[in-house]
C-alpha atoms as a PDB file:
ATOM      1  CA  MET A   1      95.436 155.202  13.912  1.00  0.00           C
ATOM      2  CA  THR A   2      96.081 152.499  16.513  1.00  0.00           C
ATOM      3  CA  LEU A   3      94.073 151.646  19.610  1.00  0.00           C
ATOM      4  CA  LEU A   4      97.003 150.861  21.855  1.00  0.00           C
ATOM      5  CA  GLU A   5      98.889 153.908  23.094  1.00  0.00           C
ATOM      6  CA  PRO A   6     102.602 153.852  23.961  1.00  0.00           C
ATOM      7  CA  GLY A   7     103.122 152.335  27.403  1.00  0.00           C
ATOM      8  CA  GLU A   8      99.951 150.267  27.412  1.00  0.00           C
ATOM      9  CA  PRO A   9     100.316 146.509  27.988  1.00  0.00           C
ATOM     10  CA  PRO A  10     100.808 144.537  24.748  1.00  0.00           C
ATOM     11  CA  ALA A  11      98.055 142.600  23.002  1.00  0.00           C
ATOM     12  CA  VAL A  12      99.669 139.266  23.755  1.00  0.00           C
ATOM     13  CA  GLU A  13     102.193 137.919  26.271  1.00  0.00           C
ATOM     14  CA  VAL A  14     104.290 134.766  25.963  1.00  0.00           C
ATOM     15  CA  VAL A  15     105.733 133.018  29.008  1.00  0.00           C
ATOM     16  CA  ARG A  16     108.414 130.321  28.715  1.00  0.00           C
ATOM     17  CA  PRO A  17     108.393 130.142  24.911  1.00  0.00           C
ATOM     18  CA  HIS A  18     111.134 127.490  25.015  1.00  0.00           C
ATOM     19  CA  GLY A  19     109.654 125.485  27.855  1.00  0.00           C
ATOM     20  CA  SER A  20     110.503 121.781  27.908  1.00  0.00           C
ATOM     21  CA  SER A  21     106.946 120.446  28.459  1.00  0.00           C
ATOM     22  CA  GLU A  22     104.958 118.708  25.734  1.00  0.00           C
ATOM     23  CA  TYR A  23     102.087 120.967  26.788  1.00  0.00           C
ATOM     24  CA  VAL A  24     101.454 124.333  25.272  1.00  0.00           C
ATOM     25  CA  LEU A  25      99.041 126.466  27.324  1.00  0.00           C
ATOM     26  CA  VAL A  26      96.821 129.247  26.127  1.00  0.00           C
ATOM     27  CA  CYS A  27      94.594 131.686  28.077  1.00  0.00           C
ATOM     28  CA  ASP A  28      92.144 133.386  25.755  1.00  0.00           C
ATOM     29  CA  HIS A  29      90.438 135.518  28.391  1.00  0.00           C
ATOM     30  CA  ALA A  30      93.361 136.331  30.654  1.00  0.00           C
ATOM     31  CA  SER A  31      92.740 140.096  30.923  1.00  0.00           C
ATOM     32  CA  ASN A  32      90.046 142.665  31.410  1.00  0.00           C
ATOM     33  CA  ARG A  33      92.118 145.561  30.171  1.00  0.00           C
ATOM     34  CA  ILE A  34      90.537 147.984  27.681  1.00  0.00           C
ATOM     35  CA  PRO A  35      92.671 150.357  25.636  1.00  0.00           C
ATOM     36  CA  ALA A  36      92.513 153.939  26.850  1.00  0.00           C
ATOM     37  CA  ARG A  37      91.250 155.093  23.407  1.00  0.00           C
ATOM     38  CA  LEU A  38      88.091 152.998  23.974  1.00  0.00           C
ATOM     39  CA  GLY A  39      87.405 154.347  27.451  1.00  0.00           C
ATOM     40  CA  THR A  40      85.300 151.853  29.451  1.00  0.00           C
ATOM     41  CA  LEU A  41      82.983 150.856  26.578  1.00  0.00           C
ATOM     42  CA  GLY A  42      80.242 152.451  28.701  1.00  0.00           C
ATOM     43  CA  LEU A  43      80.538 150.022  31.566  1.00  0.00           C
ATOM     44  CA  ASP A  44      81.354 150.663  35.244  1.00  0.00           C
ATOM     45  CA  ALA A  45      84.266 149.251  37.259  1.00  0.00           C
ATOM     46  CA  GLU A  46      82.204 146.493  38.812  1.00  0.00           C
ATOM     47  CA  GLN A  47      81.043 145.287  35.389  1.00  0.00           C
ATOM     48  CA  LEU A  48      84.560 145.387  34.014  1.00  0.00           C
ATOM     49  CA  ALA A  49      85.795 143.321  36.951  1.00  0.00           C
ATOM     50  CA  SER A  50      83.151 140.655  36.349  1.00  0.00           C
ATOM     51  CA  HIS A  51      83.158 137.585  34.117  1.00  0.00           C
ATOM     52  CA  ILE A  52      81.666 139.463  31.179  1.00  0.00           C
ATOM     53  CA  ALA A  53      85.054 141.161  30.610  1.00  0.00           C
ATOM     54  CA  TRP A  54      87.388 138.191  31.213  1.00  0.00           C
ATOM     55  CA  ASP A  55      87.765 134.806  32.972  1.00  0.00           C
ATOM     56  CA  PRO A  56      88.714 135.815  36.550  1.00  0.00           C
ATOM     57  CA  GLY A  57      91.458 133.660  37.989  1.00  0.00           C
ATOM     58  CA  ALA A  58      92.270 131.875  34.729  1.00  0.00           C
ATOM     59  CA  ALA A  59      95.556 133.724  34.147  1.00  0.00           C
ATOM     60  CA  LEU A  60      96.722 132.985  37.695  1.00  0.00           C
ATOM     61  CA  VAL A  61      96.102 129.255  37.186  1.00  0.00           C
ATOM     62  CA  ALA A  62      97.710 129.324  33.750  1.00  0.00           C
ATOM     63  CA  ARG A  63     100.874 131.110  35.001  1.00  0.00           C
ATOM     64  CA  ARG A  64     101.303 128.700  37.915  1.00  0.00           C
ATOM     65  CA  LEU A  65     100.731 125.683  35.715  1.00  0.00           C
ATOM     66  CA  SER A  66     103.250 126.981  33.199  1.00  0.00           C
ATOM     67  CA  GLU A  67     105.764 127.215  36.018  1.00  0.00           C
ATOM     68  CA  LEU A  68     105.030 123.758  37.359  1.00  0.00           C
ATOM     69  CA  LEU A  69     105.234 122.069  33.993  1.00  0.00           C
ATOM     70  CA  ASP A  70     107.866 124.331  32.384  1.00  0.00           C
ATOM     71  CA  ALA A  71     105.289 124.817  29.643  1.00  0.00           C
ATOM     72  CA  PRO A  72     104.974 127.612  27.087  1.00  0.00           C
ATOM     73  CA  LEU A  73     102.037 129.880  27.759  1.00  0.00           C
ATOM     74  CA  VAL A  74     100.310 132.476  25.537  1.00  0.00           C
ATOM     75  CA  LEU A  75      97.990 134.948  27.212  1.00  0.00           C
ATOM     76  CA  ALA A  76      95.623 137.441  25.524  1.00  0.00           C
ATOM     77  CA  GLY A  77      96.363 140.939  26.801  1.00  0.00           C
ATOM     78  CA  THR A  78      92.977 142.608  26.409  1.00  0.00           C
ATOM     79  CA  SER A  79      89.376 142.200  27.447  1.00  0.00           C
ATOM     80  CA  ARG A  80      87.067 139.833  25.591  1.00  0.00           C
ATOM     81  CA  LEU A  81      84.766 142.836  25.284  1.00  0.00           C
ATOM     82  CA  VAL A  82      87.242 144.581  23.028  1.00  0.00           C
ATOM     83  CA  ILE A  83      87.307 141.483  20.858  1.00  0.00           C
ATOM     84  CA  ASP A  84      86.912 137.893  21.960  1.00  0.00           C
ATOM     85  CA  CYS A  85      90.108 136.054  21.000  1.00  0.00           C
ATOM     86  CA  ASN A  86      88.317 132.701  21.252  1.00  0.00           C
ATOM     87  CA  ARG A  87      85.360 133.521  18.973  1.00  0.00           C
ATOM     88  CA  PRO A  88      85.261 133.140  15.178  1.00  0.00           C
ATOM     89  CA  LEU A  89      85.199 136.613  13.655  1.00  0.00           C
ATOM     90  CA  ALA A  90      81.833 135.891  12.141  1.00  0.00           C
ATOM     91  CA  SER A  91      80.326 135.159  15.571  1.00  0.00           C
ATOM     92  CA  PRO A  92      77.958 137.765  17.057  1.00  0.00           C
ATOM     93  CA  GLN A  93      80.024 137.392  20.229  1.00  0.00           C
ATOM     94  CA  SER A  94      83.263 138.402  18.530  1.00  0.00           C
ATOM     95  CA  ILE A  95      82.509 141.996  19.551  1.00  0.00           C
ATOM     96  CA  ALA A  96      79.603 141.435  21.935  1.00  0.00           C
ATOM     97  CA  GLU A  97      76.888 144.053  22.093  1.00  0.00           C
ATOM     98  CA  GLN A  98      75.657 142.407  25.270  1.00  0.00           C
ATOM     99  CA  SER A  99      76.907 139.729  27.641  1.00  0.00           C
ATOM    100  CA  ALA A 100      75.002 137.849  30.345  1.00  0.00           C
ATOM    101  CA  GLY A 101      72.149 140.333  29.884  1.00  0.00           C
ATOM    102  CA  ILE A 102      74.396 143.418  30.262  1.00  0.00           C
ATOM    103  CA  VAL A 103      74.445 145.837  27.302  1.00  0.00           C
ATOM    104  CA  VAL A 104      77.869 146.991  26.263  1.00  0.00           C
ATOM    105  CA  PRO A 105      77.182 150.501  24.934  1.00  0.00           C
ATOM    106  CA  GLY A 106      80.613 150.940  23.290  1.00  0.00           C
ATOM    107  CA  ASN A 107      80.089 147.739  21.300  1.00  0.00           C
ATOM    108  CA  ARG A 108      76.740 148.659  19.683  1.00  0.00           C
ATOM    109  CA  ALA A 109      76.919 148.378  15.936  1.00  0.00           C
ATOM    110  CA  SER A 110      76.340 152.101  15.595  1.00  0.00           C
ATOM    111  CA  GLU A 111      79.374 152.748  17.851  1.00  0.00           C
ATOM    112  CA  VAL A 112      81.817 150.413  16.104  1.00  0.00           C
ATOM    113  CA  PRO A 113      82.407 151.533  12.499  1.00  0.00           C
ATOM    114  CA  ALA A 114      84.078 149.175  10.096  1.00  0.00           C
ATOM    115  CA  ALA A 115      87.451 150.851  10.535  1.00  0.00           C
ATOM    116  CA  GLU A 116      87.411 150.397  14.322  1.00  0.00           C
ATOM    117  CA  ARG A 117      86.329 146.774  13.974  1.00  0.00           C
ATOM    118  CA  ALA A 118      89.309 146.205  11.656  1.00  0.00           C
ATOM    119  CA  TRP A 119      91.632 147.880  14.198  1.00  0.00           C
ATOM    120  CA  ARG A 120      90.349 145.623  16.984  1.00  0.00           C
ATOM    121  CA  ILE A 121      90.951 142.536  14.846  1.00  0.00           C
ATOM    122  CA  ASP A 122      94.335 143.630  13.582  1.00  0.00           C
ATOM    123  CA  GLU A 123      95.658 144.826  16.963  1.00  0.00           C
ATOM    124  CA  PHE A 124      94.333 142.167  19.299  1.00  0.00           C
ATOM    125  CA  PHE A 125      92.840 139.052  17.644  1.00  0.00           C
ATOM    126  CA  VAL A 126      95.444 138.606  14.895  1.00  0.00           C
ATOM    127  CA  PRO A 127      98.560 139.101  17.111  1.00  0.00           C
ATOM    128  CA  TYR A 128      97.224 136.642  19.727  1.00  0.00           C
ATOM    129  CA  GLN A 129      96.315 133.949  17.261  1.00  0.00           C
ATOM    130  CA  SER A 130      99.437 134.466  15.122  1.00  0.00           C
ATOM    131  CA  THR A 131     101.624 134.154  18.235  1.00  0.00           C
ATOM    132  CA  ILE A 132     100.085 130.796  19.060  1.00  0.00           C
ATOM    133  CA  ALA A 133     100.580 129.629  15.455  1.00  0.00           C
ATOM    134  CA  ARG A 134     104.226 130.709  15.451  1.00  0.00           C
ATOM    135  CA  LEU A 135     104.956 129.072  18.777  1.00  0.00           C
ATOM    136  CA  LEU A 136     103.465 125.803  17.562  1.00  0.00           C
ATOM    137  CA  ASP A 137     105.347 126.027  14.296  1.00  0.00           C
ATOM    138  CA  SER A 138     108.585 126.563  16.151  1.00  0.00           C
ATOM    139  CA  ARG A 139     108.199 123.225  17.929  1.00  0.00           C
ATOM    140  CA  GLY A 140     108.651 121.334  14.681  1.00  0.00           C
ATOM    141  CA  SER A 141     108.048 117.615  15.173  1.00  0.00           C
ATOM    142  CA  ARG A 142     108.104 117.775  19.025  1.00  0.00           C
ATOM    143  CA  ALA A 143     105.235 116.010  20.718  1.00  0.00           C
ATOM    144  CA  THR A 144     102.697 118.714  21.610  1.00  0.00           C
ATOM    145  CA  LYS A 145      99.435 118.880  23.524  1.00  0.00           C
ATOM    146  CA  LEU A 146      97.407 122.071  23.486  1.00  0.00           C
ATOM    147  CA  LEU A 147      95.509 123.034  26.620  1.00  0.00           C
ATOM    148  CA  ALA A 148      93.367 126.147  27.068  1.00  0.00           C
ATOM    149  CA  ILE A 149      92.635 127.505  30.573  1.00  0.00           C
ATOM    150  CA  HIS A 150      89.277 129.166  31.238  1.00  0.00           C
ATOM    151  CA  SER A 151      86.933 129.859  34.191  1.00  0.00           C
ATOM    152  CA  PHE A 152      83.159 129.914  34.449  1.00  0.00           C
ATOM    153  CA  THR A 153      80.527 131.388  36.678  1.00  0.00           C
ATOM    154  CA  PRO A 154      78.920 129.331  39.506  1.00  0.00           C
ATOM    155  CA  GLU A 155      75.490 130.193  38.055  1.00  0.00           C
ATOM    156  CA  LEU A 156      74.243 131.430  34.708  1.00  0.00           C
ATOM    157  CA  ALA A 157      70.669 132.339  33.789  1.00  0.00           C
ATOM    158  CA  GLY A 158      69.380 130.669  36.951  1.00  0.00           C
ATOM    159  CA  GLU A 159      71.266 127.462  36.283  1.00  0.00           C
ATOM    160  CA  VAL A 160      73.517 126.360  39.121  1.00  0.00           C
ATOM    161  CA  ARG A 161      76.741 124.733  37.925  1.00  0.00           C
ATOM    162  CA  PRO A 162      77.828 122.024  40.368  1.00  0.00           C
ATOM    163  CA  TRP A 163      81.236 121.231  38.849  1.00  0.00           C
ATOM    164  CA  PRO A 164      84.253 122.916  40.521  1.00  0.00           C
ATOM    165  CA  ILE A 165      86.245 121.976  37.452  1.00  0.00           C
ATOM    166  CA  SER A 166      85.472 120.564  34.043  1.00  0.00           C
ATOM    167  CA  VAL A 167      87.188 119.320  30.944  1.00  0.00           C
ATOM    168  CA  ALA A 168      85.828 120.309  27.534  1.00  0.00           C
ATOM    169  CA  TYR A 169      86.730 118.767  24.201  1.00  0.00           C
ATOM    170  CA  GLY A 170      85.712 118.337  20.599  1.00  0.00           C
ATOM    171  CA  PRO A 171      85.692 115.256  18.410  1.00  0.00           C
ATOM    172  CA  ASP A 172      88.886 113.780  19.903  1.00  0.00           C
ATOM    173  CA  ARG A 173      88.440 112.857  23.571  1.00  0.00           C
ATOM    174  CA  THR A 174      91.930 111.364  24.065  1.00  0.00           C
ATOM    175  CA  LEU A 175      93.538 114.214  26.039  1.00  0.00           C
ATOM    176  CA  ALA A 176      90.300 114.960  27.892  1.00  0.00           C
ATOM    177  CA  ALA A 177      89.978 111.331  29.029  1.00  0.00           C
ATOM    178  CA  SER A 178      93.502 111.406  30.446  1.00  0.00           C
ATOM    179  CA  LEU A 179      92.817 114.684  32.253  1.00  0.00           C
ATOM    180  CA  LEU A 180      89.506 113.489  33.686  1.00  0.00           C
ATOM    181  CA  ALA A 181      91.214 110.326  34.984  1.00  0.00           C
ATOM    182  CA  GLY A 182      94.059 112.313  36.495  1.00  0.00           C
ATOM    183  CA  LEU A 183      91.759 114.860  38.139  1.00  0.00           C
ATOM    184  CA  SER A 184      89.745 112.102  39.749  1.00  0.00           C
ATOM    185  CA  GLN A 185      92.917 111.123  41.644  1.00  0.00           C
ATOM    186  CA  THR A 186      93.535 114.558  43.105  1.00  0.00           C
ATOM    187  CA  GLY A 187      90.477 115.017  45.399  1.00  0.00           C
ATOM    188  CA  GLN A 188      86.866 114.276  46.072  1.00  0.00           C
ATOM    189  CA  PHE A 189      84.911 116.706  43.883  1.00  0.00           C
ATOM    190  CA  LEU A 190      82.514 116.590  40.955  1.00  0.00           C
ATOM    191  CA  ILE A 191      84.300 116.875  37.570  1.00  0.00           C
ATOM    192  CA  GLY A 192      82.413 118.116  34.528  1.00  0.00           C
ATOM    193  CA  ASP A 193      82.755 116.081  31.373  1.00  0.00           C
ATOM    194  CA  ASN A 194      81.973 118.529  28.577  1.00  0.00           C
ATOM    195  CA  GLN A 195      79.986 120.555  31.112  1.00  0.00           C
ATOM    196  CA  PRO A 196      79.025 123.377  31.284  1.00  0.00           C
ATOM    197  CA  TYR A 197      80.666 123.732  27.848  1.00  0.00           C
ATOM    198  CA  SER A 198      81.902 121.606  25.048  1.00  0.00           C
ATOM    199  CA  ILE A 199      84.130 122.762  22.242  1.00  0.00           C
ATOM    200  CA  GLY A 200      82.462 123.692  18.954  1.00  0.00           C
ATOM    201  CA  ARG A 201      83.645 125.595  15.900  1.00  0.00           C
ATOM    202  CA  GLU A 202      80.602 127.879  15.867  1.00  0.00           C
ATOM    203  CA  TYR A 203      81.708 129.439  19.177  1.00  0.00           C
ATOM    204  CA  ASP A 204      85.330 128.396  19.787  1.00  0.00           C
ATOM    205  CA  TYR A 205      88.335 129.419  17.685  1.00  0.00           C
ATOM    206  CA  THR A 206      91.607 128.657  19.442  1.00  0.00           C
ATOM    207  CA  ILE A 207      91.369 124.931  20.106  1.00  0.00           C
ATOM    208  CA  PRO A 208      89.689 123.999  16.771  1.00  0.00           C
ATOM    209  CA  THR A 209      92.187 126.085  14.741  1.00  0.00           C
ATOM    210  CA  HIS A 210      95.448 125.338  16.514  1.00  0.00           C
ATOM    211  CA  GLY A 211      94.637 121.974  18.018  1.00  0.00           C
ATOM    212  CA  GLU A 212      92.140 120.063  15.968  1.00  0.00           C
ATOM    213  CA  ASP A 213      93.275 121.376  12.516  1.00  0.00           C
ATOM    214  CA  ARG A 214      96.876 120.492  13.318  1.00  0.00           C
ATOM    215  CA  GLY A 215      95.943 117.057  14.558  1.00  0.00           C
ATOM    216  CA  LEU A 216      97.182 117.818  18.114  1.00  0.00           C
ATOM    217  CA  SER A 217      95.770 116.324  21.296  1.00  0.00           C
ATOM    218  CA  CYS A 218      93.825 119.257  22.736  1.00  0.00           C
ATOM    219  CA  ALA A 219      91.289 120.131  25.410  1.00  0.00           C
ATOM    220  CA  MET A 220      89.977 123.066  27.465  1.00  0.00           C
ATOM    221  CA  ILE A 221      89.983 123.302  31.266  1.00  0.00           C
ATOM    222  CA  GLU A 222      87.140 125.247  32.879  1.00  0.00           C
ATOM    223  CA  ILE A 223      87.364 126.110  36.597  1.00  0.00           C
ATOM    224  CA  ARG A 224      84.462 127.542  38.525  1.00  0.00           C
ATOM    225  CA  GLN A 225      85.207 131.074  39.561  1.00  0.00           C
ATOM    226  CA  ASP A 226      84.230 130.755  43.211  1.00  0.00           C
ATOM    227  CA  GLY A 227      87.302 128.595  43.622  1.00  0.00           C
ATOM    228  CA  LEU A 228      89.501 131.295  42.154  1.00  0.00           C
ATOM    229  CA  THR A 229      88.634 134.310  44.268  1.00  0.00           C
ATOM    230  CA  THR A 230      92.068 134.301  45.883  1.00  0.00           C
ATOM    231  CA  ALA A 231      95.559 133.663  44.612  1.00  0.00           C
ATOM    232  CA  ALA A 232      95.796 130.730  47.031  1.00  0.00           C
ATOM    233  CA  GLY A 233      92.712 129.160  45.475  1.00  0.00           C
ATOM    234  CA  ALA A 234      94.159 129.495  42.005  1.00  0.00           C
ATOM    235  CA  MET A 235      97.372 127.892  43.169  1.00  0.00           C
ATOM    236  CA  VAL A 236      95.418 124.898  44.544  1.00  0.00           C
ATOM    237  CA  TRP A 237      93.770 124.283  41.194  1.00  0.00           C
ATOM    238  CA  ALA A 238      97.016 124.725  39.276  1.00  0.00           C
ATOM    239  CA  ASP A 239      98.706 122.199  41.567  1.00  0.00           C
ATOM    240  CA  ARG A 240      95.811 119.760  41.038  1.00  0.00           C
ATOM    241  CA  LEU A 241      96.001 120.176  37.284  1.00  0.00           C
ATOM    242  CA  ALA A 242      99.750 119.579  37.318  1.00  0.00           C
ATOM    243  CA  ALA A 243      99.216 116.430  39.397  1.00  0.00           C
ATOM    244  CA  ALA A 244      96.543 115.257  37.013  1.00  0.00           C
ATOM    245  CA  ILE A 245      98.762 115.806  33.993  1.00  0.00           C
ATOM    246  CA  ARG A 246     101.553 113.803  35.650  1.00  0.00           C
ATOM    247  CA  PHE A 247      99.205 110.999  36.668  1.00  0.00           C
END
């Protein structure tokens, strides 16, 4: 059995695989699609359109940035609720039973037998992560910087997040420092420095595995979702990021 039916969007999409940029872009939470075989996981349309299912606006920014930089881009093709492509498989949030206080009925342990969990891993997580690995391998000795594009909610659990954009990183701050400096030249706004998130192996997979473990300069961009409610807003942030990278 497979979860994806013929005609459904693929588990992973690659844009500009042979792009000339030194940057490789990834978008772990690009889509809120759920395979037809899984129904809606017990959620309504409003819930599936919200941040619990994906990072709204992130894919728009990533696609525009890929165009501006001529950079390869890998996008996950399914909702983080099916399986989170940026969570270690051992994480409780890999197949989240609840998110932001919302119970996901179709992800309750009693509803996800071992065979279905294996299908979700094999059909969505593995193809996405393997595609990133192959793309990076294909670059050989070319200079490469790995940048993940995400978005975050303006408020979470009563905490207001004042940063319209932030840069997250792990042990190596080199790329992050360059991006922070570049962003500071593109407008007057507060820039988060490892806020509201940093990168850690207990809850992040893509950047630690494909960036840190390969010794690549790497970072994660987080953009507040109220700045991404329109395509025009997403284009503004993509243009700012491109300017910051070129700074």
